[in-house]
Protein backbone atom coordinates (compact mmCIF):
# COMPACT_ATOMS: atom_id res chain seq x y z
CA MET A 1 115.14 91.22 127.66
CA LEU A 2 112.46 93.52 126.20
CA ASN A 3 113.92 93.07 122.70
CA ASN A 4 113.81 89.28 123.09
CA VAL A 5 110.18 89.41 124.18
CA LYS A 6 109.31 91.68 121.24
CA LYS A 7 110.98 89.17 118.89
CA ILE A 8 108.82 86.41 120.35
CA MET A 9 105.68 88.51 120.00
CA ASN A 10 106.52 89.49 116.42
CA SER A 11 107.11 85.84 115.58
CA ASP A 12 103.70 85.00 117.06
CA ILE A 13 102.15 87.33 114.50
CA ILE A 14 104.24 86.14 111.56
CA TYR A 15 103.97 82.39 112.20
CA ASN A 16 100.72 80.79 111.17
CA GLY A 17 101.70 77.16 110.88
CA GLY A 18 104.15 75.09 108.94
CA ASP A 19 106.97 72.69 109.66
CA ASN A 20 108.84 75.05 111.98
CA MET A 21 105.82 75.79 114.17
CA SER A 22 106.39 72.92 116.61
CA SER A 23 110.01 73.84 117.34
CA TYR A 24 109.06 77.52 117.61
CA ASP A 25 106.26 76.74 120.08
CA THR A 26 108.64 74.64 122.15
CA PHE A 27 111.23 77.42 122.17
CA ARG A 28 108.65 80.08 123.10
CA ASN A 29 107.18 77.95 125.86
CA GLN A 30 110.63 77.34 127.33
CA LEU A 31 111.34 81.07 127.35
CA LEU A 32 107.98 81.81 128.94
CA GLU A 33 108.83 79.53 131.87
CA ASN A 34 111.06 82.39 133.07
CA PRO A 35 108.78 84.58 135.23
CA GLU A 36 110.50 87.82 134.10
CA VAL A 37 110.07 86.96 130.41
CA LYS A 38 106.46 85.89 130.99
CA LYS A 39 105.65 89.14 132.81
CA GLU A 40 107.10 91.25 129.99
CA TYR A 41 105.43 89.10 127.33
CA ASP A 42 102.04 89.50 129.02
CA SER A 43 102.49 93.25 129.43
CA LEU A 44 103.03 93.67 125.68
CA GLN A 45 100.05 91.53 124.65
CA PRO A 46 97.57 94.41 124.10
CA GLU A 47 99.95 96.13 121.68
CA TYR A 48 100.43 92.94 119.73
CA ASP A 49 96.69 92.23 119.69
CA ILE A 50 96.23 95.56 117.91
CA ILE A 51 99.03 94.82 115.45
CA LYS A 52 97.64 91.36 114.69
CA ALA A 53 94.11 92.72 114.23
CA LEU A 54 95.34 95.42 111.84
CA ILE A 55 97.36 93.00 109.72
CA GLU A 56 94.54 90.46 109.56
CA ALA A 57 91.93 93.11 108.66
CA ARG A 58 94.15 94.60 105.96
CA LYS A 59 94.82 91.20 104.43
CA GLN A 60 91.14 90.20 104.59
CA GLN A 61 90.38 93.31 102.56
CA GLY A 62 93.05 92.29 100.04
CA LEU A 63 94.98 95.49 100.67
CA THR A 64 98.70 96.06 100.69
CA GLN A 65 100.23 98.61 103.03
CA LYS A 66 100.62 100.87 100.00
CA ASP A 67 96.92 100.48 99.11
CA LEU A 68 95.89 101.33 102.66
CA SER A 69 98.25 104.29 102.64
CA HIS A 70 96.65 105.63 99.48
CA ILE A 71 93.14 105.26 100.93
CA THR A 72 93.88 106.75 104.35
CA GLY A 73 96.61 109.29 103.65
CA ILE A 74 98.77 107.62 106.29
CA THR A 75 102.22 106.97 104.89
CA GLN A 76 103.13 103.39 103.99
CA ALA A 77 106.19 103.79 106.21
CA ASP A 78 103.96 104.63 109.20
CA ILE A 79 101.68 101.66 108.48
CA SER A 80 104.76 99.44 108.29
CA ARG A 81 106.07 100.82 111.61
CA ILE A 82 102.71 100.16 113.27
CA GLU A 83 102.62 96.62 111.92
CA ASN A 84 106.18 95.82 113.00
CA GLY A 85 105.68 97.30 116.46
CA THR A 86 108.04 100.25 116.24
CA ARG A 87 105.28 102.90 116.25
CA ASN A 88 102.36 103.17 118.62
CA PRO A 89 99.37 104.55 116.74
CA SER A 90 96.98 107.03 118.27
CA LEU A 91 93.34 106.13 118.65
CA ALA A 92 92.55 108.63 115.87
CA MET A 93 95.01 106.88 113.53
CA LEU A 94 93.50 103.47 114.29
CA LYS A 95 90.06 104.87 113.52
CA ARG A 96 91.35 106.23 110.19
CA LEU A 97 92.85 102.86 109.32
CA ALA A 98 89.61 101.07 110.19
CA ASP A 99 87.57 103.56 108.17
CA GLY A 100 89.91 103.11 105.21
CA MET A 101 89.18 99.39 105.30
CA GLY A 102 85.43 99.96 105.51
CA MET A 103 85.40 98.91 109.14
CA ARG A 104 84.82 100.47 112.51
CA LEU A 105 87.20 100.28 115.43
CA LYS A 106 85.93 98.37 118.48
CA LEU A 107 87.75 98.62 121.77
CA GLU A 108 86.78 96.61 124.82
CA PHE A 109 87.96 96.03 128.33
CA VAL A 110 87.98 92.44 129.54
CA LYS A 111 88.60 90.92 132.97
CA LYS A 112 92.10 89.68 133.68
């Protein structure tokens, strides 16, 4: 089930509109009606928020993964793994990535 939830979450990041969006949203919403899937989906949200923020920031800066790798010294493969959810970055690595994009990392706790 975890792999199915991760596929949904990855699709949330990749999809940003288009003809298939309506059918995807319907499919996702049907899956999320299952309490077990919803619980797992919600538990992974913070990880995917970080991934989404990294991808959006990198693209806003007009950088490829290779460009960001060159700037930060973090391998392109590691950046790719972070962005596809197969590697959990340390706080220090996230700070390096932010610095490489001329940004600062902001972390906040919010009420549930």
